[in-house]
Amino acid sequence: MRPSMSVSQNGDRSEVLLEIQEYFGCGTIRPDRSDKTVKWEVRSLPLLIQQVIPHFQRYPLRSGKRHDFELFSSVCEAMARGRHLEPEGIAEIVRWAGDMNPSGKRRYAPEQILGSLLR
């Protein structure tokens, strides 16, 4: 289990991703072949907790992504406490993740993941 936060742009607007990377002082920029965009992404739990999450707590999003961010922040905080190492914590995190970005693509539904954990 690894958290990931990303921002995508079309290739012709990727300079903003460089500015985001410079501002936060972390993350990688890579092409996303699935939708032909360029993506800035942070996958390090310590960097997310120390550098990215505090920014969005100080300057909250003003769109539907605000709820997703609040869930994401809860996931990261739970993982920092080691909850992802406990069955109940994993189930809680899977449910939160399932509630994030409802229009996004998923390989597995939360019910599938939880079902496989109970076997």
PDB file of N, CA and C in Angstrom:
ATOM      1  N   MET A   1       0.855  -1.164   0.000  1.00  0.00           N
ATOM      2  CA  MET A   1       0.000   0.000   0.000  1.00  0.00           C
ATOM      3  C   MET A   1       0.902   1.229   0.000  1.00  0.00           C
ATOM      4  N   ARG A   2       0.651   2.120  -0.972  1.00  0.00           N
ATOM      5  CA  ARG A   2       1.457   3.330  -1.072  1.00  0.00           C
ATOM      6  C   ARG A   2       0.581   4.473  -1.558  1.00  0.00           C
ATOM      7  N   PRO A   3       0.553   5.574  -0.826  1.00  0.00           N
ATOM      8  CA  PRO A   3      -0.256   6.722  -1.265  1.00  0.00           C
ATOM      9  C   PRO A   3       0.407   7.415  -2.450  1.00  0.00           C
ATOM     10  N   SER A   4      -0.410   8.063  -3.258  1.00  0.00           N
ATOM     11  CA  SER A   4       0.098   8.785  -4.416  1.00  0.00           C
ATOM     12  C   SER A   4      -0.790   9.990  -4.684  1.00  0.00           C
ATOM     13  N   MET A   5      -0.182  11.145  -4.837  1.00  0.00           N
ATOM     14  CA  MET A   5      -0.910  12.359  -5.207  1.00  0.00           C
ATOM     15  C   MET A   5      -0.324  12.839  -6.516  1.00  0.00           C
ATOM     16  N   SER A   6      -1.192  13.234  -7.449  1.00  0.00           N
ATOM     17  CA  SER A   6      -0.678  13.679  -8.738  1.00  0.00           C
ATOM     18  C   SER A   6      -1.505  14.820  -9.305  1.00  0.00           C
ATOM     19  N   VAL A   7      -0.864  15.538 -10.215  1.00  0.00           N
ATOM     20  CA  VAL A   7      -1.494  16.607 -10.988  1.00  0.00           C
ATOM     21  C   VAL A   7      -1.119  16.340 -12.437  1.00  0.00           C
ATOM     22  N   SER A   8      -2.111  16.328 -13.324  1.00  0.00           N
ATOM     23  CA  SER A   8      -1.872  16.054 -14.741  1.00  0.00           C
ATOM     24  C   SER A   8      -2.152  17.283 -15.592  1.00  0.00           C
ATOM     25  N   GLN A   9      -1.397  17.403 -16.658  1.00  0.00           N
ATOM     26  CA  GLN A   9      -1.594  18.466 -17.640  1.00  0.00           C
ATOM     27  C   GLN A   9      -1.327  17.898 -19.025  1.00  0.00           C
ATOM     28  N   ASN A  10      -1.909  18.526 -20.028  1.00  0.00           N
ATOM     29  CA  ASN A  10      -1.532  18.183 -21.389  1.00  0.00           C
ATOM     30  C   ASN A  10      -0.073  18.579 -21.584  1.00  0.00           C
ATOM     31  N   GLY A  11       0.593  17.870 -22.465  1.00  0.00           N
ATOM     32  CA  GLY A  11       2.016  18.090 -22.680  1.00  0.00           C
ATOM     33  C   GLY A  11       2.393  19.520 -22.996  1.00  0.00           C
ATOM     34  N   ASP A  12       1.528  20.243 -23.709  1.00  0.00           N
ATOM     35  CA  ASP A  12       1.849  21.620 -24.083  1.00  0.00           C
ATOM     36  C   ASP A  12       1.716  22.601 -22.924  1.00  0.00           C
ATOM     37  N   ARG A  13       1.264  22.115 -21.763  1.00  0.00           N
ATOM     38  CA  ARG A  13       1.138  22.967 -20.573  1.00  0.00           C
ATOM     39  C   ARG A  13       1.959  22.408 -19.406  1.00  0.00           C
ATOM     40  N   SER A  14       2.926  21.578 -19.700  1.00  0.00           N
ATOM     41  CA  SER A  14       3.662  20.883 -18.648  1.00  0.00           C
ATOM     42  C   SER A  14       4.564  21.803 -17.823  1.00  0.00           C
ATOM     43  N   GLU A  15       4.812  23.035 -18.285  1.00  0.00           N
ATOM     44  CA  GLU A  15       5.674  23.930 -17.510  1.00  0.00           C
ATOM     45  C   GLU A  15       5.105  24.205 -16.124  1.00  0.00           C
ATOM     46  N   VAL A  16       3.786  24.176 -15.992  1.00  0.00           N
ATOM     47  CA  VAL A  16       3.179  24.394 -14.674  1.00  0.00           C
ATOM     48  C   VAL A  16       3.557  23.263 -13.712  1.00  0.00           C
ATOM     49  N   LEU A  17       3.758  22.064 -14.242  1.00  0.00           N
ATOM     50  CA  LEU A  17       4.158  20.942 -13.389  1.00  0.00           C
ATOM     51  C   LEU A  17       5.569  21.149 -12.842  1.00  0.00           C
ATOM     52  N   LEU A  18       6.435  21.743 -13.639  1.00  0.00           N
ATOM     53  CA  LEU A  18       7.781  22.073 -13.158  1.00  0.00           C
ATOM     54  C   LEU A  18       7.709  23.090 -12.030  1.00  0.00           C
ATOM     55  N   GLU A  19       6.809  24.057 -12.151  1.00  0.00           N
ATOM     56  CA  GLU A  19       6.635  25.047 -11.093  1.00  0.00           C
ATOM     57  C   GLU A  19       6.096  24.403  -9.821  1.00  0.00           C
ATOM     58  N   ILE A  20       5.157  23.462  -9.965  1.00  0.00           N
ATOM     59  CA  ILE A  20       4.616  22.755  -8.805  1.00  0.00           C
ATOM     60  C   ILE A  20       5.720  21.936  -8.135  1.00  0.00           C
ATOM     61  N   GLN A  21       6.511  21.243  -8.935  1.00  0.00           N
ATOM     62  CA  GLN A  21       7.614  20.444  -8.399  1.00  0.00           C
ATOM     63  C   GLN A  21       8.605  21.331  -7.642  1.00  0.00           C
ATOM     64  N   GLU A  22       8.916  22.471  -8.215  1.00  0.00           N
ATOM     65  CA  GLU A  22       9.846  23.396  -7.566  1.00  0.00           C
ATOM     66  C   GLU A  22       9.250  23.951  -6.274  1.00  0.00           C
ATOM     67  N   TYR A  23       7.974  24.302  -6.303  1.00  0.00           N
ATOM     68  CA  TYR A  23       7.306  24.867  -5.126  1.00  0.00           C
ATOM     69  C   TYR A  23       7.334  23.884  -3.958  1.00  0.00           C
ATOM     70  N   PHE A  24       6.957  22.626  -4.219  1.00  0.00           N
ATOM     71  CA  PHE A  24       6.899  21.633  -3.149  1.00  0.00           C
ATOM     72  C   PHE A  24       8.263  21.015  -2.845  1.00  0.00           C
ATOM     73  N   GLY A  25       9.204  21.120  -3.764  1.00  0.00           N
ATOM     74  CA  GLY A  25      10.530  20.568  -3.542  1.00  0.00           C
ATOM     75  C   GLY A  25      10.559  19.051  -3.535  1.00  0.00           C
ATOM     76  N   CYS A  26       9.616  18.442  -4.250  1.00  0.00           N
ATOM     77  CA  CYS A  26       9.561  16.980  -4.290  1.00  0.00           C
ATOM     78  C   CYS A  26       8.709  16.538  -5.478  1.00  0.00           C
ATOM     79  N   GLY A  27       8.684  15.249  -5.668  1.00  0.00           N
ATOM     80  CA  GLY A  27       7.859  14.665  -6.716  1.00  0.00           C
ATOM     81  C   GLY A  27       8.631  14.441  -7.999  1.00  0.00           C
ATOM     82  N   THR A  28       8.024  13.646  -8.854  1.00  0.00           N
ATOM     83  CA  THR A  28       8.611  13.363 -10.157  1.00  0.00           C
ATOM     84  C   THR A  28       7.628  13.776 -11.239  1.00  0.00           C
ATOM     85  N   ILE A  29       8.164  14.059 -12.399  1.00  0.00           N
ATOM     86  CA  ILE A  29       7.338  14.388 -13.562  1.00  0.00           C
ATOM     87  C   ILE A  29       7.562  13.289 -14.588  1.00  0.00           C
ATOM     88  N   ARG A  30       6.452  12.756 -15.088  1.00  0.00           N
ATOM     89  CA  ARG A  30       6.557  11.638 -16.031  1.00  0.00           C
ATOM     90  C   ARG A  30       5.374  11.662 -16.985  1.00  0.00           C
ATOM     91  N   PRO A  31       5.558  11.080 -18.160  1.00  0.00           N
ATOM     92  CA  PRO A  31       4.419  10.956 -19.076  1.00  0.00           C
ATOM     93  C   PRO A  31       3.448   9.907 -18.555  1.00  0.00           C
ATOM     94  N   ASP A  32       2.178  10.150 -18.761  1.00  0.00           N
ATOM     95  CA  ASP A  32       1.140   9.170 -18.413  1.00  0.00           C
ATOM     96  C   ASP A  32       0.569   8.657 -19.725  1.00  0.00           C
ATOM     97  N   ARG A  33       0.989   7.476 -20.108  1.00  0.00           N
ATOM     98  CA  ARG A  33       0.588   6.928 -21.403  1.00  0.00           C
ATOM     99  C   ARG A  33      -0.897   6.595 -21.471  1.00  0.00           C
ATOM    100  N   SER A  34      -1.535   6.402 -20.308  1.00  0.00           N
ATOM    101  CA  SER A  34      -2.953   6.020 -20.321  1.00  0.00           C
ATOM    102  C   SER A  34      -3.841   7.111 -20.902  1.00  0.00           C
ATOM    103  N   ASP A  35      -3.481   8.376 -20.677  1.00  0.00           N
ATOM    104  CA  ASP A  35      -4.316   9.461 -21.211  1.00  0.00           C
ATOM    105  C   ASP A  35      -3.497  10.518 -21.951  1.00  0.00           C
ATOM    106  N   LYS A  36      -2.233  10.187 -22.254  1.00  0.00           N
ATOM    107  CA  LYS A  36      -1.356  11.061 -23.051  1.00  0.00           C
ATOM    108  C   LYS A  36      -1.163  12.440 -22.422  1.00  0.00           C
ATOM    109  N   THR A  37      -1.053  12.459 -21.083  1.00  0.00           N
ATOM    110  CA  THR A  37      -0.761  13.692 -20.371  1.00  0.00           C
ATOM    111  C   THR A  37       0.608  13.564 -19.725  1.00  0.00           C
ATOM    112  N   VAL A  38       1.013  14.623 -19.054  1.00  0.00           N
ATOM    113  CA  VAL A  38       2.223  14.625 -18.248  1.00  0.00           C
ATOM    114  C   VAL A  38       1.765  14.793 -16.806  1.00  0.00           C
ATOM    115  N   LYS A  39       2.437  14.106 -15.890  1.00  0.00           N
ATOM    116  CA  LYS A  39       1.965  14.049 -14.513  1.00  0.00           C
ATOM    117  C   LYS A  39       3.095  14.373 -13.538  1.00  0.00           C
ATOM    118  N   TRP A  40       2.786  15.249 -12.555  1.00  0.00           N
ATOM    119  CA  TRP A  40       3.651  15.442 -11.390  1.00  0.00           C
ATOM    120  C   TRP A  40       3.074  14.550 -10.309  1.00  0.00           C
ATOM    121  N   GLU A  41       3.933  13.746  -9.671  1.00  0.00           N
ATOM    122  CA  GLU A  41       3.441  12.763  -8.716  1.00  0.00           C
ATOM    123  C   GLU A  41       4.372  12.662  -7.519  1.00  0.00           C
ATOM    124  N   VAL A  42       3.756  12.535  -6.337  1.00  0.00           N
ATOM    125  CA  VAL A  42       4.491  12.288  -5.094  1.00  0.00           C
ATOM    126  C   VAL A  42       3.946  11.000  -4.511  1.00  0.00           C
ATOM    127  N   ARG A  43       4.852  10.051  -4.234  1.00  0.00           N
ATOM    128  CA  ARG A  43       4.454   8.758  -3.676  1.00  0.00           C
ATOM    129  C   ARG A  43       5.102   8.479  -2.327  1.00  0.00           C
ATOM    130  N   SER A  44       5.874   9.380  -1.834  1.00  0.00           N
ATOM    131  CA  SER A  44       6.568   9.202  -0.559  1.00  0.00           C
ATOM    132  C   SER A  44       5.661   9.666   0.576  1.00  0.00           C
ATOM    133  N   LEU A  45       5.333   8.756   1.494  1.00  0.00           N
ATOM    134  CA  LEU A  45       4.484   9.116   2.630  1.00  0.00           C
ATOM    135  C   LEU A  45       5.087  10.252   3.456  1.00  0.00           C
ATOM    136  N   PRO A  46       6.374  10.187   3.814  1.00  0.00           N
ATOM    137  CA  PRO A  46       6.933  11.310   4.582  1.00  0.00           C
ATOM    138  C   PRO A  46       6.852  12.653   3.849  1.00  0.00           C
ATOM    139  N   LEU A  47       7.129  12.659   2.546  1.00  0.00           N
ATOM    140  CA  LEU A  47       7.052  13.923   1.792  1.00  0.00           C
ATOM    141  C   LEU A  47       5.618  14.429   1.692  1.00  0.00           C
ATOM    142  N   LEU A  48       4.682  13.521   1.509  1.00  0.00           N
ATOM    143  CA  LEU A  48       3.279  13.928   1.471  1.00  0.00           C
ATOM    144  C   LEU A  48       2.871  14.567   2.796  1.00  0.00           C
ATOM    145  N   ILE A  49       3.245  13.934   3.894  1.00  0.00           N
ATOM    146  CA  ILE A  49       2.853  14.429   5.223  1.00  0.00           C
ATOM    147  C   ILE A  49       3.578  15.719   5.587  1.00  0.00           C
ATOM    148  N   GLN A  50       4.839  15.824   5.225  1.00  0.00           N
ATOM    149  CA  GLN A  50       5.634  16.987   5.639  1.00  0.00           C
ATOM    150  C   GLN A  50       5.515  18.182   4.704  1.00  0.00           C
ATOM    151  N   GLN A  51       5.315  17.934   3.401  1.00  0.00           N
ATOM    152  CA  GLN A  51       5.392  19.042   2.460  1.00  0.00           C
ATOM    153  C   GLN A  51       4.096  19.314   1.701  1.00  0.00           C
ATOM    154  N   VAL A  52       3.387  18.298   1.304  1.00  0.00           N
ATOM    155  CA  VAL A  52       2.224  18.517   0.435  1.00  0.00           C
ATOM    156  C   VAL A  52       0.944  18.739   1.245  1.00  0.00           C
ATOM    157  N   ILE A  53       0.641  17.841   2.152  1.00  0.00           N
ATOM    158  CA  ILE A  53      -0.613  17.945   2.916  1.00  0.00           C
ATOM    159  C   ILE A  53      -0.713  19.254   3.692  1.00  0.00           C
ATOM    160  N   PRO A  54       0.350  19.703   4.375  1.00  0.00           N
ATOM    161  CA  PRO A  54       0.218  20.980   5.095  1.00  0.00           C
ATOM    162  C   PRO A  54      -0.171  22.158   4.201  1.00  0.00           C
ATOM    163  N   HIS A  55       0.312  22.152   2.959  1.00  0.00           N
ATOM    164  CA  HIS A  55      -0.054  23.234   2.033  1.00  0.00           C
ATOM    165  C   HIS A  55      -1.562  23.274   1.816  1.00  0.00           C
ATOM    166  N   PHE A  56      -2.152  22.108   1.539  1.00  0.00           N
ATOM    167  CA  PHE A  56      -3.588  22.071   1.246  1.00  0.00           C
ATOM    168  C   PHE A  56      -4.445  22.185   2.503  1.00  0.00           C
ATOM    169  N   GLN A  57      -3.857  21.973   3.662  1.00  0.00           N
ATOM    170  CA  GLN A  57      -4.578  22.272   4.897  1.00  0.00           C
ATOM    171  C   GLN A  57      -4.599  23.776   5.130  1.00  0.00           C
ATOM    172  N   ARG A  58      -3.499  24.436   4.779  1.00  0.00           N
ATOM    173  CA  ARG A  58      -3.409  25.891   4.911  1.00  0.00           C
ATOM    174  C   ARG A  58      -4.233  26.609   3.841  1.00  0.00           C
ATOM    175  N   TYR A  59      -4.238  26.060   2.627  1.00  0.00           N
ATOM    176  CA  TYR A  59      -4.937  26.656   1.486  1.00  0.00           C
ATOM    177  C   TYR A  59      -5.882  25.603   0.898  1.00  0.00           C
ATOM    178  N   PRO A  60      -7.054  25.420   1.502  1.00  0.00           N
ATOM    179  CA  PRO A  60      -7.954  24.338   1.065  1.00  0.00           C
ATOM    180  C   PRO A  60      -8.420  24.503  -0.377  1.00  0.00           C
ATOM    181  N   LEU A  61      -8.573  23.374  -1.024  1.00  0.00           N
ATOM    182  CA  LEU A  61      -9.137  23.355  -2.380  1.00  0.00           C
ATOM    183  C   LEU A  61     -10.568  23.869  -2.326  1.00  0.00           C
ATOM    184  N   ARG A  62     -11.009  24.482  -3.411  1.00  0.00           N
ATOM    185  CA  ARG A  62     -12.362  25.030  -3.436  1.00  0.00           C
ATOM    186  C   ARG A  62     -13.222  24.341  -4.484  1.00  0.00           C
ATOM    187  N   SER A  63     -12.925  23.092  -4.733  1.00  0.00           N
ATOM    188  CA  SER A  63     -13.704  22.315  -5.703  1.00  0.00           C
ATOM    189  C   SER A  63     -14.094  20.995  -5.057  1.00  0.00           C
ATOM    190  N   GLY A  64     -14.679  20.123  -5.849  1.00  0.00           N
ATOM    191  CA  GLY A  64     -15.056  18.797  -5.373  1.00  0.00           C
ATOM    192  C   GLY A  64     -13.863  17.979  -4.916  1.00  0.00           C
ATOM    193  N   LYS A  65     -12.669  18.355  -5.346  1.00  0.00           N
ATOM    194  CA  LYS A  65     -11.458  17.653  -4.934  1.00  0.00           C
ATOM    195  C   LYS A  65     -11.149  17.865  -3.446  1.00  0.00           C
ATOM    196  N   ARG A  66     -11.785  18.843  -2.836  1.00  0.00           N
ATOM    197  CA  ARG A  66     -11.541  19.100  -1.414  1.00  0.00           C
ATOM    198  C   ARG A  66     -11.885  17.868  -0.578  1.00  0.00           C
ATOM    199  N   HIS A  67     -13.022  17.248  -0.859  1.00  0.00           N
ATOM    200  CA  HIS A  67     -13.431  16.044  -0.120  1.00  0.00           C
ATOM    201  C   HIS A  67     -12.432  14.915  -0.367  1.00  0.00           C
ATOM    202  N   ASP A  68     -11.998  14.755  -1.617  1.00  0.00           N
ATOM    203  CA  ASP A  68     -10.994  13.735  -1.937  1.00  0.00           C
ATOM    204  C   ASP A  68      -9.711  13.988  -1.148  1.00  0.00           C
ATOM    205  N   PHE A  69      -9.296  15.248  -1.078  1.00  0.00           N
ATOM    206  CA  PHE A  69      -8.082  15.570  -0.341  1.00  0.00           C
ATOM    207  C   PHE A  69      -8.236  15.228   1.136  1.00  0.00           C
ATOM    208  N   GLU A  70      -9.383  15.538   1.718  1.00  0.00           N
ATOM    209  CA  GLU A  70      -9.587  15.242   3.137  1.00  0.00           C
ATOM    210  C   GLU A  70      -9.494  13.742   3.399  1.00  0.00           C
ATOM    211  N   LEU A  71     -10.069  12.933   2.507  1.00  0.00           N
ATOM    212  CA  LEU A  71      -9.952  11.476   2.636  1.00  0.00           C
ATOM    213  C   LEU A  71      -8.495  11.038   2.457  1.00  0.00           C
ATOM    214  N   PHE A  72      -7.830  11.597   1.461  1.00  0.00           N
ATOM    215  CA  PHE A  72      -6.426  11.262   1.197  1.00  0.00           C
ATOM    216  C   PHE A  72      -5.557  11.599   2.410  1.00  0.00           C
ATOM    217  N   SER A  73      -5.797  12.750   2.997  1.00  0.00           N
ATOM    218  CA  SER A  73      -5.059  13.157   4.180  1.00  0.00           C
ATOM    219  C   SER A  73      -5.293  12.166   5.329  1.00  0.00           C
ATOM    220  N   SER A  74      -6.526  11.714   5.480  1.00  0.00           N
ATOM    221  CA  SER A  74      -6.835  10.714   6.511  1.00  0.00           C
ATOM    222  C   SER A  74      -6.094   9.409   6.258  1.00  0.00           C
ATOM    223  N   VAL A  75      -6.030   8.999   4.989  1.00  0.00           N
ATOM    224  CA  VAL A  75      -5.299   7.777   4.634  1.00  0.00           C
ATOM    225  C   VAL A  75      -3.828   7.925   5.018  1.00  0.00           C
ATOM    226  N   CYS A  76      -3.215   9.038   4.637  1.00  0.00           N
ATOM    227  CA  CYS A  76      -1.795   9.243   4.927  1.00  0.00           C
ATOM    228  C   CYS A  76      -1.542   9.276   6.434  1.00  0.00           C
ATOM    229  N   GLU A  77      -2.406   9.951   7.173  1.00  0.00           N
ATOM    230  CA  GLU A  77      -2.240  10.018   8.628  1.00  0.00           C
ATOM    231  C   GLU A  77      -2.395   8.628   9.244  1.00  0.00           C
ATOM    232  N   ALA A  78      -3.363   7.847   8.754  1.00  0.00           N
ATOM    233  CA  ALA A  78      -3.546   6.485   9.264  1.00  0.00           C
ATOM    234  C   ALA A  78      -2.319   5.628   8.968  1.00  0.00           C
ATOM    235  N   MET A  79      -1.779   5.769   7.775  1.00  0.00           N
ATOM    236  CA  MET A  79      -0.583   4.998   7.417  1.00  0.00           C
ATOM    237  C   MET A  79       0.610   5.415   8.273  1.00  0.00           C
ATOM    238  N   ALA A  80       0.735   6.693   8.565  1.00  0.00           N
ATOM    239  CA  ALA A  80       1.835   7.163   9.407  1.00  0.00           C
ATOM    240  C   ALA A  80       1.744   6.562  10.811  1.00  0.00           C
ATOM    241  N   ARG A  81       0.524   6.253  11.254  1.00  0.00           N
ATOM    242  CA  ARG A  81       0.320   5.614  12.557  1.00  0.00           C
ATOM    243  C   ARG A  81       0.424   4.092  12.475  1.00  0.00           C
ATOM    244  N   GLY A  82       0.658   3.566  11.269  1.00  0.00           N
ATOM    245  CA  GLY A  82       0.806   2.128  11.103  1.00  0.00           C
ATOM    246  C   GLY A  82      -0.497   1.365  10.940  1.00  0.00           C
ATOM    247  N   ARG A  83      -1.587   2.073  10.698  1.00  0.00           N
ATOM    248  CA  ARG A  83      -2.895   1.414  10.565  1.00  0.00           C
ATOM    249  C   ARG A  83      -2.955   0.499   9.341  1.00  0.00           C
ATOM    250  N   HIS A  84      -2.154   0.771   8.345  1.00  0.00           N
ATOM    251  CA  HIS A  84      -2.143  -0.064   7.139  1.00  0.00           C
ATOM    252  C   HIS A  84      -1.525  -1.437   7.398  1.00  0.00           C
ATOM    253  N   LEU A  85      -0.999  -1.634   8.587  1.00  0.00           N
ATOM    254  CA  LEU A  85      -0.399  -2.915   8.964  1.00  0.00           C
ATOM    255  C   LEU A  85      -1.373  -3.792   9.744  1.00  0.00           C
ATOM    256  N   GLU A  86      -2.574  -3.264  10.008  1.00  0.00           N
ATOM    257  CA  GLU A  86      -3.600  -3.983  10.767  1.00  0.00           C
ATOM    258  C   GLU A  86      -4.801  -4.253   9.861  1.00  0.00           C
ATOM    259  N   PRO A  87      -5.436  -5.414   9.974  1.00  0.00           N
ATOM    260  CA  PRO A  87      -6.592  -5.717   9.106  1.00  0.00           C
ATOM    261  C   PRO A  87      -7.693  -4.656   9.157  1.00  0.00           C
ATOM    262  N   GLU A  88      -8.022  -4.173  10.346  1.00  0.00           N
ATOM    263  CA  GLU A  88      -9.088  -3.155  10.452  1.00  0.00           C
ATOM    264  C   GLU A  88      -8.661  -1.851   9.785  1.00  0.00           C
ATOM    265  N   GLY A  89      -7.389  -1.505   9.937  1.00  0.00           N
ATOM    266  CA  GLY A  89      -6.869  -0.288   9.324  1.00  0.00           C
ATOM    267  C   GLY A  89      -6.853  -0.381   7.808  1.00  0.00           C
ATOM    268  N   ILE A  90      -6.470  -1.547   7.298  1.00  0.00           N
ATOM    269  CA  ILE A  90      -6.487  -1.748   5.847  1.00  0.00           C
ATOM    270  C   ILE A  90      -7.906  -1.571   5.315  1.00  0.00           C
ATOM    271  N   ALA A  91      -8.879  -2.172   5.994  1.00  0.00           N
ATOM    272  CA  ALA A  91     -10.278  -2.071   5.552  1.00  0.00           C
ATOM    273  C   ALA A  91     -10.739  -0.619   5.554  1.00  0.00           C
ATOM    274  N   GLU A  92     -10.378   0.121   6.590  1.00  0.00           N
ATOM    275  CA  GLU A  92     -10.754   1.538   6.677  1.00  0.00           C
ATOM    276  C   GLU A  92     -10.140   2.326   5.522  1.00  0.00           C
ATOM    277  N   ILE A  93      -8.863   2.086   5.259  1.00  0.00           N
ATOM    278  CA  ILE A  93      -8.161   2.799   4.180  1.00  0.00           C
ATOM    279  C   ILE A  93      -8.759   2.445   2.823  1.00  0.00           C
ATOM    280  N   VAL A  94      -9.075   1.176   2.602  1.00  0.00           N
ATOM    281  CA  VAL A  94      -9.681   0.759   1.331  1.00  0.00           C
ATOM    282  C   VAL A  94     -11.027   1.459   1.137  1.00  0.00           C
ATOM    283  N   ARG A  95     -11.810   1.577   2.178  1.00  0.00           N
ATOM    284  CA  ARG A  95     -13.112   2.267   2.070  1.00  0.00           C
ATOM    285  C   ARG A  95     -12.925   3.748   1.741  1.00  0.00           C
ATOM    286  N   TRP A  96     -11.987   4.403   2.429  1.00  0.00           N
ATOM    287  CA  TRP A  96     -11.718   5.813   2.134  1.00  0.00           C
ATOM    288  C   TRP A  96     -11.260   5.981   0.690  1.00  0.00           C
ATOM    289  N   ALA A  97     -10.338   5.132   0.267  1.00  0.00           N
ATOM    290  CA  ALA A  97      -9.822   5.221  -1.099  1.00  0.00           C
ATOM    291  C   ALA A  97     -10.948   4.999  -2.110  1.00  0.00           C
ATOM    292  N   GLY A  98     -11.866   4.095  -1.799  1.00  0.00           N
ATOM    293  CA  GLY A  98     -12.998   3.839  -2.688  1.00  0.00           C
ATOM    294  C   GLY A  98     -13.927   5.024  -2.824  1.00  0.00           C
ATOM    295  N   ASP A  99     -13.955   5.886  -1.803  1.00  0.00           N
ATOM    296  CA  ASP A  99     -14.805   7.079  -1.844  1.00  0.00           C
ATOM    297  C   ASP A  99     -14.145   8.257  -2.559  1.00  0.00           C
ATOM    298  N   MET A 100     -12.852   8.141  -2.835  1.00  0.00           N
ATOM    299  CA  MET A 100     -12.132   9.218  -3.520  1.00  0.00           C
ATOM    300  C   MET A 100     -12.309   9.118  -5.025  1.00  0.00           C
ATOM    301  N   ASN A 101     -12.323  10.263  -5.675  1.00  0.00           N
ATOM    302  CA  ASN A 101     -12.320  10.344  -7.132  1.00  0.00           C
ATOM    303  C   ASN A 101     -13.307   9.357  -7.767  1.00  0.00           C
ATOM    304  N   PRO A 102     -14.590   9.534  -7.477  1.00  0.00           N
ATOM    305  CA  PRO A 102     -15.574   8.558  -7.960  1.00  0.00           C
ATOM    306  C   PRO A 102     -15.651   8.422  -9.479  1.00  0.00           C
ATOM    307  N   SER A 103     -15.176   9.414 -10.216  1.00  0.00           N
ATOM    308  CA  SER A 103     -15.228   9.311 -11.686  1.00  0.00           C
ATOM    309  C   SER A 103     -13.968   8.665 -12.253  1.00  0.00           C
ATOM    310  N   GLY A 104     -12.999   8.349 -11.395  1.00  0.00           N
ATOM    311  CA  GLY A 104     -11.744   7.768 -11.863  1.00  0.00           C
ATOM    312  C   GLY A 104     -11.864   6.285 -12.168  1.00  0.00           C
ATOM    313  N   LYS A 105     -10.864   5.804 -12.906  1.00  0.00           N
ATOM    314  CA  LYS A 105     -10.813   4.383 -13.249  1.00  0.00           C
ATOM    315  C   LYS A 105     -10.194   3.604 -12.096  1.00  0.00           C
ATOM    316  N   ARG A 106     -10.705   2.397 -11.858  1.00  0.00           N
ATOM    317  CA  ARG A 106     -10.176   1.539 -10.812  1.00  0.00           C
ATOM    318  C   ARG A 106      -9.945   0.148 -11.358  1.00  0.00           C
ATOM    319  N   ARG A 107      -8.833  -0.435 -10.972  1.00  0.00           N
ATOM    320  CA  ARG A 107      -8.581  -1.821 -11.356  1.00  0.00           C
ATOM    321  C   ARG A 107      -9.490  -2.761 -10.590  1.00  0.00           C
ATOM    322  N   TYR A 108      -9.667  -2.471  -9.296  1.00  0.00           N
ATOM    323  CA  TYR A 108     -10.475  -3.324  -8.431  1.00  0.00           C
ATOM    324  C   TYR A 108     -11.418  -2.464  -7.612  1.00  0.00           C
ATOM    325  N   ALA A 109     -12.650  -2.913  -7.473  1.00  0.00           N
ATOM    326  CA  ALA A 109     -13.620  -2.222  -6.626  1.00  0.00           C
ATOM    327  C   ALA A 109     -13.245  -2.464  -5.169  1.00  0.00           C
ATOM    328  N   PRO A 110     -13.553  -1.506  -4.291  1.00  0.00           N
ATOM    329  CA  PRO A 110     -13.231  -1.699  -2.872  1.00  0.00           C
ATOM    330  C   PRO A 110     -13.801  -3.013  -2.319  1.00  0.00           C
ATOM    331  N   GLU A 111     -14.987  -3.410  -2.776  1.00  0.00           N
ATOM    332  CA  GLU A 111     -15.599  -4.649  -2.295  1.00  0.00           C
ATOM    333  C   GLU A 111     -14.749  -5.861  -2.669  1.00  0.00           C
ATOM    334  N   GLN A 112     -14.162  -5.828  -3.871  1.00  0.00           N
ATOM    335  CA  GLN A 112     -13.281  -6.916  -4.300  1.00  0.00           C
ATOM    336  C   GLN A 112     -12.045  -7.006  -3.412  1.00  0.00           C
ATOM    337  N   ILE A 113     -11.479  -5.857  -3.125  1.00  0.00           N
ATOM    338  CA  ILE A 113     -10.278  -5.825  -2.290  1.00  0.00           C
ATOM    339  C   ILE A 113     -10.607  -6.332  -0.891  1.00  0.00           C
ATOM    340  N   LEU A 114     -11.690  -5.807  -0.322  1.00  0.00           N
ATOM    341  CA  LEU A 114     -12.068  -6.240   1.024  1.00  0.00           C
ATOM    342  C   LEU A 114     -12.420  -7.711   1.059  1.00  0.00           C
ATOM    343  N   GLY A 115     -13.084  -8.203   0.006  1.00  0.00           N
ATOM    344  CA  GLY A 115     -13.426  -9.618  -0.079  1.00  0.00           C
ATOM    345  C   GLY A 115     -12.193 -10.500  -0.116  1.00  0.00           C
ATOM    346  N   SER A 116     -11.173 -10.055  -0.818  1.00  0.00           N
ATOM    347  CA  SER A 116      -9.947 -10.867  -0.895  1.00  0.00           C
ATOM    348  C   SER A 116      -9.191 -10.853   0.426  1.00  0.00           C
ATOM    349  N   LEU A 117      -9.374  -9.817   1.219  1.00  0.00           N
ATOM    350  CA  LEU A 117      -8.703  -9.743   2.510  1.00  0.00           C
ATOM    351  C   LEU A 117      -9.349 -10.679   3.532  1.00  0.00           C
ATOM    352  N   LEU A 118     -10.620 -10.966   3.334  1.00  0.00           N
ATOM    353  CA  LEU A 118     -11.356 -11.782   4.301  1.00  0.00           C
ATOM    354  C   LEU A 118     -11.230 -13.274   4.035  1.00  0.00           C
ATOM    355  N   ARG A 119     -10.591 -13.640   2.967  1.00  0.00           N
ATOM    356  CA  ARG A 119     -10.439 -15.074   2.650  1.00  0.00           C
ATOM    357  C   ARG A 119      -9.460 -15.762   3.544  1.00  0.00           C
TER     358      ARG A 119
END
